[in-house]
């Protein structure tokens, strides 16, 4: 499959990766949430819970259908320390609803505003909770679309490249995935990404403190305020909590590069060449050239989960609409 030539042209005010990354967080208006949206709590096999937002599909004239009656159902996954109601999540949700999809926007553990029951949180390659949400979506007996941003996109690609993929999953969209996690982590720990580290670690510290207070066997949080990099955080908390030998072991075992060639459904992977979180090895050019399913688009600009355009719709949403629309015309949905 040839690599897609990107048509994205960044507005003059977001021509750097950092500007395109920060603009949506600071200046994008919050997309509307339908009054018909309902939150549902679903149980996990280990006795925990996941909170999911159910958004009903829209008809051709904008009328809302009963949930589960759309042409398909989309499962949308957020990024690190995000949640189901972040701007990028709602923007994609509203585009997919307009295409006739019911949307399940789910929250990873302790991301819905309430701490989960167990000591378990989440990580870049943890896909058991995604499997739980997919099984819930299967109950509606509709073709499934998976969409994910950053960490959520990483999880989607890992799921698609593994065993036991639901037969109802017909396609996927993944945005700003740091495909080579072992190479991306040191980039994010560098001085150019210091503001992002502060942003992520601020809430992650709170979560591990809460876990340590409730679970005596949780790793010690003494001195956690002195942790300023992912290398330190993952070595101290993520790796031992999930059975990895070290932070590097965790990164190497959860990169999606080995999973991408095994994907067997049409998948749009949208990246930006100026993504401040990505190393050069994060762009899987050769894999896409040799794959019949991986549609790789690397825009010259876009930052990380940016892709700003003037107006309400962002380029990632525009591309998802075109990609899914073309698959709908082929009869996949």
Protein backbone atom coordinates (compact mmCIF):
# COMPACT_ATOMS: atom_id res chain seq x y z
CA UNK A 1 0.00 0.00 0.00
CA UNK A 2 1.61 3.32 -1.01
CA UNK A 3 2.25 5.84 1.74
CA UNK A 4 -0.41 8.57 1.63
CA UNK A 5 0.73 12.02 0.58
CA UNK A 6 -0.64 14.37 3.22
CA UNK A 7 -2.69 17.41 2.23
CA UNK A 8 -2.43 19.01 5.66
CA UNK A 9 -1.14 22.57 5.66
CA UNK A 10 -0.76 24.04 9.11
CA UNK A 11 -2.02 27.58 9.69
CA UNK A 12 0.79 30.09 10.13
CA UNK A 13 0.29 30.29 13.91
CA UNK A 14 0.94 26.54 14.44
CA UNK A 15 3.85 25.92 12.09
CA UNK A 16 5.97 24.31 14.82
CA UNK A 17 5.31 20.99 16.50
CA UNK A 18 5.04 22.57 19.94
CA UNK A 19 2.59 25.25 18.79
CA UNK A 20 0.38 22.68 17.05
CA UNK A 21 0.46 20.45 20.13
CA UNK A 22 -0.45 23.19 22.60
CA UNK A 23 -2.98 25.16 20.55
CA UNK A 24 -5.93 22.73 20.94
CA UNK A 25 -5.40 22.45 24.69
CA UNK A 26 -5.30 26.20 25.17
CA UNK A 27 -7.58 27.61 22.49
CA UNK A 28 -9.87 25.02 20.92
CA UNK A 29 -13.51 25.53 21.94
CA UNK A 30 -14.95 22.53 23.74
CA UNK A 31 -16.97 20.45 21.24
CA UNK A 32 -20.61 19.96 22.11
CA UNK A 33 -21.80 16.93 24.06
CA UNK A 34 -25.25 15.64 23.16
CA UNK A 35 -27.85 15.61 25.91
CA UNK A 36 -28.58 12.05 24.74
CA UNK A 37 -25.11 10.87 25.81
CA UNK A 38 -25.21 8.41 28.69
CA UNK A 39 -22.41 7.16 30.92
CA UNK A 40 -22.32 3.45 31.69
CA UNK A 41 -20.10 1.47 34.04
CA UNK A 42 -18.95 -1.92 32.81
CA UNK A 43 -17.23 -4.59 34.89
CA UNK A 44 -13.79 -5.99 34.15
CA UNK A 45 -12.83 -9.66 34.59
CA UNK A 46 -10.61 -8.79 37.59
CA UNK A 47 -13.43 -7.17 39.57
CA UNK A 48 -12.77 -3.57 38.57
CA UNK A 49 -14.79 -1.20 36.40
CA UNK A 50 -14.49 1.01 33.33
CA UNK A 51 -16.66 4.07 32.74
CA UNK A 52 -17.74 4.55 29.13
CA UNK A 53 -19.71 7.33 27.45
CA UNK A 54 -22.35 6.18 24.96
CA UNK A 55 -23.01 8.68 22.15
CA UNK A 56 -25.89 7.84 19.76
CA UNK A 57 -25.46 8.08 16.00
CA UNK A 58 -27.00 10.83 13.89
CA UNK A 59 -29.22 10.44 10.86
CA UNK A 60 -28.80 12.31 7.57
CA UNK A 61 -30.84 15.22 8.88
CA UNK A 62 -29.04 15.34 12.21
CA UNK A 63 -31.67 13.44 14.15
CA UNK A 64 -30.41 11.25 16.98
CA UNK A 65 -31.07 7.52 16.82
CA UNK A 66 -31.46 5.16 19.73
CA UNK A 67 -28.02 3.94 20.78
CA UNK A 68 -27.06 0.73 18.99
CA UNK A 69 -29.04 1.47 15.83
CA UNK A 70 -26.26 3.10 13.78
CA UNK A 71 -24.51 1.68 10.71
CA UNK A 72 -21.62 0.71 12.97
CA UNK A 73 -20.16 1.26 16.40
CA UNK A 74 -16.90 3.09 17.11
CA UNK A 75 -14.74 2.50 20.18
CA UNK A 76 -12.62 5.61 20.84
CA UNK A 77 -9.57 5.55 23.17
CA UNK A 78 -7.91 8.59 24.76
CA UNK A 79 -4.26 9.36 25.36
CA UNK A 80 -2.07 9.39 28.47
CA UNK A 81 -3.88 11.02 31.42
CA UNK A 82 -6.75 11.97 29.12
CA UNK A 83 -10.37 11.01 29.42
CA UNK A 84 -13.47 10.47 27.31
CA UNK A 85 -14.41 14.16 27.34
CA UNK A 86 -11.19 15.72 26.15
CA UNK A 87 -11.60 18.03 23.17
CA UNK A 88 -9.91 15.68 20.72
CA UNK A 89 -12.12 12.81 21.90
CA UNK A 90 -15.32 14.79 21.47
CA UNK A 91 -14.22 16.19 18.10
CA UNK A 92 -13.67 12.68 16.73
CA UNK A 93 -16.83 11.43 18.42
CA UNK A 94 -18.98 14.06 16.73
CA UNK A 95 -17.49 13.36 13.29
CA UNK A 96 -18.15 9.62 13.66
CA UNK A 97 -21.69 10.23 14.93
CA UNK A 98 -22.40 12.30 11.83
CA UNK A 99 -21.21 9.35 9.72
CA UNK A 100 -23.87 7.20 11.34
CA UNK A 101 -21.78 5.53 14.06
CA UNK A 102 -22.74 5.02 17.66
CA UNK A 103 -19.67 5.87 19.74
CA UNK A 104 -18.31 4.26 22.88
CA UNK A 105 -15.74 6.71 24.30
CA UNK A 106 -14.10 4.92 27.19
CA UNK A 107 -12.01 5.95 30.18
CA UNK A 108 -8.94 4.04 31.23
CA UNK A 109 -8.72 3.12 34.89
CA UNK A 110 -8.87 6.12 37.26
CA UNK A 111 -9.37 8.52 34.33
CA UNK A 112 -13.14 9.03 34.61
CA UNK A 113 -12.98 11.20 37.73
CA UNK A 114 -13.18 8.29 40.18
CA UNK A 115 -10.36 6.04 41.33
CA UNK A 116 -10.79 2.44 40.29
CA UNK A 117 -11.13 -0.43 42.78
CA UNK A 118 -7.85 -2.27 42.27
CA UNK A 119 -4.19 -1.28 42.37
CA UNK A 120 -4.02 -1.64 38.59
CA UNK A 121 -3.82 1.50 36.43
CA UNK A 122 -2.91 1.32 32.71
CA UNK A 123 0.06 1.59 30.37
CA UNK A 124 0.95 2.13 26.73
CA UNK A 125 0.50 -1.48 25.67
CA UNK A 126 -2.14 -2.68 28.15
CA UNK A 127 -4.96 -4.02 25.97
CA UNK A 128 -7.04 -6.20 28.31
CA UNK A 129 -9.27 -3.27 29.19
CA UNK A 130 -9.65 -2.44 25.49
CA UNK A 131 -10.68 -6.07 24.96
CA UNK A 132 -13.31 -5.64 27.68
CA UNK A 133 -14.73 -2.57 25.93
CA UNK A 134 -14.72 -4.34 22.57
CA UNK A 135 -16.61 -7.28 24.08
CA UNK A 136 -19.18 -4.81 25.41
CA UNK A 137 -19.45 -3.23 21.94
CA UNK A 138 -19.91 -6.66 20.35
CA UNK A 139 -23.22 -7.01 22.19
CA UNK A 140 -24.79 -4.52 19.76
CA UNK A 141 -23.92 -6.76 16.79
CA UNK A 142 -22.71 -3.97 14.55
CA UNK A 143 -19.45 -3.65 12.55
CA UNK A 144 -16.81 -2.09 14.79
CA UNK A 145 -14.38 0.76 14.16
CA UNK A 146 -11.51 1.37 16.59
CA UNK A 147 -10.00 4.84 16.98
CA UNK A 148 -7.26 5.97 19.33
CA UNK A 149 -5.02 8.91 20.11
CA UNK A 150 -1.39 8.64 21.20
CA UNK A 151 -1.38 6.00 23.95
CA UNK A 152 -4.90 4.96 22.97
CA UNK A 153 -3.71 4.58 19.38
CA UNK A 154 -0.76 2.54 20.59
CA UNK A 155 -3.16 0.20 22.38
CA UNK A 156 -5.39 -0.05 19.30
CA UNK A 157 -2.43 -1.06 17.12
CA UNK A 158 -1.20 -3.58 19.68
CA UNK A 159 -4.69 -5.09 19.86
CA UNK A 160 -5.00 -5.32 16.08
CA UNK A 161 -1.57 -6.90 15.71
CA UNK A 162 -2.21 -9.57 18.32
CA UNK A 163 -4.37 -12.65 18.66
CA UNK A 164 -8.08 -12.76 19.33
CA UNK A 165 -9.15 -9.69 17.39
CA UNK A 166 -12.93 -9.46 17.23
CA UNK A 167 -14.36 -10.52 13.88
CA UNK A 168 -16.63 -7.48 14.05
CA UNK A 169 -13.67 -5.07 13.91
CA UNK A 170 -13.54 -3.83 10.32
CA UNK A 171 -11.17 -0.83 10.43
CA UNK A 172 -9.21 1.52 12.67
CA UNK A 173 -7.86 5.06 12.91
CA UNK A 174 -4.78 5.80 15.04
CA UNK A 175 -3.45 9.33 15.56
CA UNK A 176 -0.04 10.45 16.88
CA UNK A 177 1.18 7.00 17.92
CA UNK A 178 4.83 6.98 19.14
CA UNK A 179 5.41 3.72 17.28
CA UNK A 180 8.91 3.07 18.66
CA UNK A 181 8.26 3.51 22.37
CA UNK A 182 11.83 2.74 23.43
CA UNK A 183 13.10 5.55 21.18
CA UNK A 184 10.26 7.97 21.96
CA UNK A 185 10.55 7.80 25.76
CA UNK A 186 14.03 9.41 25.89
CA UNK A 187 12.83 12.13 23.49
CA UNK A 188 9.96 12.96 25.82
CA UNK A 189 12.35 13.02 28.76
CA UNK A 190 14.50 15.63 27.03
CA UNK A 191 14.56 19.36 27.82
CA UNK A 192 12.35 20.27 24.84
CA UNK A 193 9.46 18.30 26.36
CA UNK A 194 9.82 19.48 29.95
CA UNK A 195 6.46 21.25 29.98
CA UNK A 196 4.71 18.06 28.83
CA UNK A 197 6.45 16.03 31.51
CA UNK A 198 5.21 18.46 34.15
CA UNK A 199 1.69 18.17 32.73
CA UNK A 200 1.61 14.36 32.71
CA UNK A 201 3.50 13.67 35.92
CA UNK A 202 1.46 16.14 37.95
CA UNK A 203 -1.61 13.87 37.82
CA UNK A 204 0.30 10.58 37.67
CA UNK A 205 1.96 11.43 40.99
CA UNK A 206 -1.46 11.99 42.54
CA UNK A 207 -2.68 8.62 41.29
CA UNK A 208 0.24 6.59 42.59
CA UNK A 209 0.02 8.34 45.96
CA UNK A 210 -3.64 7.35 46.15
CA UNK A 211 -2.79 3.75 45.22
CA UNK A 212 0.01 3.52 47.77
CA UNK A 213 -2.31 4.79 50.51
CA UNK A 214 -4.87 2.06 49.73
CA UNK A 215 -2.66 -0.90 48.83
CA UNK A 216 0.22 -1.77 51.22
CA UNK A 217 2.11 -3.77 48.57
CA UNK A 218 2.14 -0.90 46.08
CA UNK A 219 5.61 0.53 45.31
CA UNK A 220 6.75 3.18 47.78
CA UNK A 221 5.95 6.78 46.85
CA UNK A 222 8.65 8.28 49.04
CA UNK A 223 10.31 11.05 47.06
CA UNK A 224 7.81 10.79 44.18
CA UNK A 225 7.77 14.59 43.89
CA UNK A 226 11.40 14.38 42.72
CA UNK A 227 10.49 12.24 39.69
CA UNK A 228 10.66 14.37 36.55
CA UNK A 229 10.97 11.87 33.67
CA UNK A 230 9.15 8.86 32.27
CA UNK A 231 12.30 6.82 32.73
CA UNK A 232 12.13 7.41 36.49
CA UNK A 233 8.36 6.96 36.73
CA UNK A 234 8.23 3.80 34.63
CA UNK A 235 11.20 2.27 36.45
CA UNK A 236 9.64 3.02 39.84
CA UNK A 237 5.95 2.29 39.18
CA UNK A 238 4.88 1.05 35.73
CA UNK A 239 7.45 -1.72 35.36
CA UNK A 240 6.99 -3.39 38.76
CA UNK A 241 3.20 -2.92 38.77
CA UNK A 242 2.86 -4.81 35.48
CA UNK A 243 5.64 -7.36 35.85
CA UNK A 244 8.33 -5.81 33.63
CA UNK A 245 11.99 -6.06 34.58
CA UNK A 246 12.68 -2.37 34.02
CA UNK A 247 11.45 0.74 32.26
CA UNK A 248 13.36 -0.26 29.13
CA UNK A 249 11.89 -3.75 29.26
CA UNK A 250 8.43 -2.18 29.45
CA UNK A 251 9.13 0.14 26.51
CA UNK A 252 10.62 -2.56 24.31
CA UNK A 253 7.78 -5.01 24.94
CA UNK A 254 5.05 -2.47 24.23
CA UNK A 255 6.27 -0.78 21.09
CA UNK A 256 3.90 -1.33 18.17
CA UNK A 257 6.54 -1.72 15.45
CA UNK A 258 6.32 -5.55 15.52
CA UNK A 259 2.50 -5.41 15.60
CA UNK A 260 1.96 -3.17 12.57
CA UNK A 261 2.83 -5.79 9.91
CA UNK A 262 0.28 -8.17 11.47
CA UNK A 263 -2.68 -5.80 11.18
CA UNK A 264 -5.30 -7.30 8.85
CA UNK A 265 -7.99 -4.58 8.72
CA UNK A 266 -7.72 -1.18 6.96
CA UNK A 267 -5.97 1.12 9.42
CA UNK A 268 -5.19 4.80 9.00
CA UNK A 269 -2.07 5.79 10.93
CA UNK A 270 -1.81 9.59 10.98
CA UNK A 271 1.46 11.06 12.26
CA UNK A 272 3.21 14.43 12.07
CA UNK A 273 6.84 14.83 11.06
CA UNK A 274 7.25 17.52 13.73
CA UNK A 275 5.67 15.53 16.57
CA UNK A 276 7.77 16.57 19.59
CA UNK A 277 7.27 13.14 21.19
CA UNK A 278 8.63 11.06 18.30
CA UNK A 279 12.08 9.86 17.28
CA UNK A 280 12.92 9.17 13.60
CA UNK A 281 12.32 5.44 14.11
CA UNK A 282 8.70 6.16 15.12
CA UNK A 283 7.67 6.46 11.46
CA UNK A 284 7.08 2.98 9.97
CA UNK A 285 7.67 3.81 6.30
CA UNK A 286 8.84 0.38 5.11
CA UNK A 287 6.09 -1.46 6.99
CA UNK A 288 3.42 0.67 5.34
CA UNK A 289 4.95 0.20 1.89
CA UNK A 290 4.80 -3.57 2.33
CA UNK A 291 1.38 -3.76 3.99
CA UNK A 292 -1.98 -4.10 2.28
CA UNK A 293 -3.80 -2.73 5.35
CA UNK A 294 -1.66 -0.03 6.96
CA UNK A 295 -2.37 3.41 5.45
CA UNK A 296 0.43 5.67 6.72
CA UNK A 297 0.10 9.43 6.42
CA UNK A 298 2.88 11.61 7.78
CA UNK A 299 1.98 15.30 7.60
CA UNK A 300 4.85 17.82 7.54
CA UNK A 301 3.30 19.57 10.53
CA UNK A 302 0.72 18.66 13.14
CA UNK A 303 2.57 18.22 16.42
CA UNK A 304 1.21 15.66 18.86
CA UNK A 305 -2.59 15.22 18.67
CA UNK A 306 -2.70 18.65 17.05
CA UNK A 307 -3.48 18.92 13.33
CA UNK A 308 -5.10 22.30 13.83
CA UNK A 309 -7.28 23.80 11.12
CA UNK A 310 -9.23 27.05 11.19
CA UNK A 311 -12.80 26.37 12.20
CA UNK A 312 -14.41 23.57 14.19
CA UNK A 313 -13.07 20.46 12.44
CA UNK A 314 -9.43 19.45 12.84
CA UNK A 315 -7.43 17.66 10.16
CA UNK A 316 -7.33 14.34 12.06
CA UNK A 317 -11.13 14.40 12.11
CA UNK A 318 -11.32 15.41 8.46
CA UNK A 319 -9.06 12.50 7.48
CA UNK A 320 -10.99 10.04 9.63
CA UNK A 321 -14.22 11.17 7.97
CA UNK A 322 -12.75 10.64 4.48
CA UNK A 323 -11.13 7.30 5.37
CA UNK A 324 -14.20 5.83 7.06
CA UNK A 325 -16.48 7.28 4.40
CA UNK A 326 -14.51 5.51 1.67
CA UNK A 327 -14.72 2.22 3.59
CA UNK A 328 -18.46 2.72 4.01
CA UNK A 329 -18.82 3.11 0.24
CA UNK A 330 -16.98 -0.23 -0.12
CA UNK A 331 -19.58 -1.86 2.12
CA UNK A 332 -17.46 -2.44 5.24
CA UNK A 333 -19.97 -0.48 7.33
